[in-house]
Amino acid sequence: MTRGILLNGPERRRKWHDSQRREIVSLAFSPGSSVTAVARQFDVATSLIYRWRDQFLAASSGVSFSPAILADGPACPGLESGTVLITIDFKINSRSPS
């Protein structure tokens, strides 16, 4: 027998607080745990747990997408017509162990 939840009213989605999301993600990715089992326990989709994990990782690492800006202007010397030049200005200070 399958069980279902009937949601009445205009709001059909549950709202999870960040603390609840972090708890679920923490449980899902703890050693010996299964994302599928945790998803069933909290009645959420596994894809939602992975999305929350990715959002937390992106927020903590500061990694994000940057917009591409297309500018009209004179062609760069030495490049063929139709060539795309991509310039990336990294402002990251990092050190690697020797």
Foldseek 3Di string as FASTA:
>chain_A
DDDDDDDDDDDPDDDDDPVRLVVLLCQCPDPPHHLVVSCVVVVHDSVVNVVSVVVVVCVVVVDDDDDDDDDDDDDDPPDDPPDDDDDDDDPDDDDDDD
